[in-house]
């Protein structure tokens, strides 16, 4: 198994071989054919990226993102317990809270979305 490790803005793939990938230069960015596990996707979510399942979901517009703060109308930023949102705007609904199912956690069809 390979795992993406995020340290000081560098995303590294650890496993049989280690290669450093600078943020914005991930092989997943422009190639949705490159799939990853949820563990790898979670490392990217923690780095502020968006991910999507490539099988069973209706498309890249249904991406998941991890949030750890909210900004009030006054501009005040509040730190909150981290939570996932899924963009379901392709279905006309906007954003919704999301929690991974066991199928999501065990899937190996995750991809990075720009």
Protein backbone atom coordinates (compact mmCIF):
# COMPACT_ATOMS: atom_id res chain seq x y z
CA UNK A 1 0.00 0.00 0.00
CA UNK A 2 1.24 3.49 -0.68
CA UNK A 3 0.30 6.47 1.42
CA UNK A 4 0.49 10.17 0.63
CA UNK A 5 2.20 12.11 3.39
CA UNK A 6 1.81 15.88 3.69
CA UNK A 7 4.62 17.76 5.42
CA UNK A 8 5.27 21.50 5.11
CA UNK A 9 3.42 21.81 1.82
CA UNK A 10 5.09 18.79 0.21
CA UNK A 11 2.96 15.78 -0.67
CA UNK A 12 5.01 12.59 -0.69
CA UNK A 13 4.00 9.10 -1.78
CA UNK A 14 5.49 6.61 0.67
CA UNK A 15 5.50 2.89 -0.01
CA UNK A 16 7.87 0.80 -2.05
CA UNK A 17 9.44 4.02 -3.28
CA UNK A 18 9.24 7.59 -2.06
CA UNK A 19 8.89 10.53 -4.40
CA UNK A 20 8.26 14.13 -3.43
CA UNK A 21 5.43 15.90 -5.23
CA UNK A 22 5.05 19.63 -4.68
CA UNK A 23 1.54 20.94 -4.09
CA UNK A 24 -0.09 21.67 -7.42
CA UNK A 25 2.08 19.12 -9.20
CA UNK A 26 0.28 15.98 -8.07
CA UNK A 27 -0.15 13.34 -10.76
CA UNK A 28 -3.83 13.16 -9.76
CA UNK A 29 -4.59 16.81 -10.62
CA UNK A 30 -5.11 16.50 -14.34
CA UNK A 31 -5.52 12.76 -14.64
CA UNK A 32 -8.72 11.31 -13.20
CA UNK A 33 -7.53 7.94 -14.54
CA UNK A 34 -5.06 7.81 -11.62
CA UNK A 35 -6.97 6.29 -8.70
CA UNK A 36 -6.14 6.20 -5.00
CA UNK A 37 -7.41 4.75 -1.74
CA UNK A 38 -9.40 6.70 0.84
CA UNK A 39 -6.27 6.90 3.02
CA UNK A 40 -4.45 8.66 0.18
CA UNK A 41 -7.47 10.88 -0.51
CA UNK A 42 -7.68 11.81 3.19
CA UNK A 43 -4.10 13.10 3.13
CA UNK A 44 -5.05 15.35 0.20
CA UNK A 45 -8.24 16.49 1.98
CA UNK A 46 -6.12 17.49 4.99
CA UNK A 47 -3.92 19.50 2.59
CA UNK A 48 -6.99 21.47 1.44
CA UNK A 49 -7.64 19.58 -1.81
CA UNK A 50 -10.95 18.30 -3.24
CA UNK A 51 -11.52 14.62 -4.01
CA UNK A 52 -14.22 12.56 -5.70
CA UNK A 53 -15.11 8.90 -6.17
CA UNK A 54 -14.87 7.99 -9.83
CA UNK A 55 -17.30 5.06 -9.65
CA UNK A 56 -20.86 5.36 -8.41
CA UNK A 57 -20.90 9.15 -8.09
CA UNK A 58 -22.41 11.27 -10.84
CA UNK A 59 -19.30 13.33 -11.61
CA UNK A 60 -16.51 15.64 -10.47
CA UNK A 61 -19.05 18.28 -9.46
CA UNK A 62 -19.87 16.04 -6.46
CA UNK A 63 -16.48 16.58 -4.83
CA UNK A 64 -15.75 16.32 -1.09
CA UNK A 65 -13.76 18.91 0.84
CA UNK A 66 -12.63 19.09 4.49
CA UNK A 67 -13.33 22.31 6.41
CA UNK A 68 -11.96 23.41 9.78
CA UNK A 69 -13.27 26.97 9.99
CA UNK A 70 -16.21 29.13 9.00
CA UNK A 71 -16.33 32.82 8.13
CA UNK A 72 -19.23 34.86 9.46
CA UNK A 73 -20.89 37.66 7.48
CA UNK A 74 -18.98 40.10 9.71
CA UNK A 75 -15.73 38.62 8.36
CA UNK A 76 -14.84 36.95 11.65
CA UNK A 77 -13.23 33.54 11.15
CA UNK A 78 -14.14 30.82 13.63
CA UNK A 79 -12.13 27.63 14.08
CA UNK A 80 -14.49 24.63 14.29
CA UNK A 81 -14.25 20.88 14.63
CA UNK A 82 -13.24 19.62 11.16
CA UNK A 83 -16.10 18.40 8.97
CA UNK A 84 -16.65 17.20 5.41
CA UNK A 85 -18.94 18.89 2.89
CA UNK A 86 -19.95 17.38 -0.42
CA UNK A 87 -20.79 19.66 -3.32
CA UNK A 88 -24.08 18.45 -4.74
CA UNK A 89 -24.63 21.59 -6.83
CA UNK A 90 -24.79 19.45 -9.95
CA UNK A 91 -28.09 18.29 -8.51
CA UNK A 92 -29.18 21.85 -7.66
CA UNK A 93 -28.83 21.39 -3.91
CA UNK A 94 -25.58 23.21 -3.07
CA UNK A 95 -23.50 21.68 -0.25
CA UNK A 96 -24.40 19.02 2.28
CA UNK A 97 -22.68 17.46 5.30
CA UNK A 98 -20.96 14.21 4.37
CA UNK A 99 -19.57 11.23 6.27
CA UNK A 100 -17.78 8.41 4.46
CA UNK A 101 -19.55 5.06 4.38
CA UNK A 102 -17.63 1.80 4.84
CA UNK A 103 -17.80 1.41 1.04
CA UNK A 104 -16.20 4.87 0.61
CA UNK A 105 -13.43 4.05 3.12
CA UNK A 106 -12.62 0.73 1.44
CA UNK A 107 -12.83 2.07 -2.13
CA UNK A 108 -9.75 2.52 -4.30
CA UNK A 109 -11.37 4.73 -6.94
CA UNK A 110 -10.74 8.17 -5.41
CA UNK A 111 -9.29 10.96 -7.58
CA UNK A 112 -8.15 14.53 -7.02
CA UNK A 113 -10.31 17.31 -8.50
CA UNK A 114 -8.95 20.75 -9.46
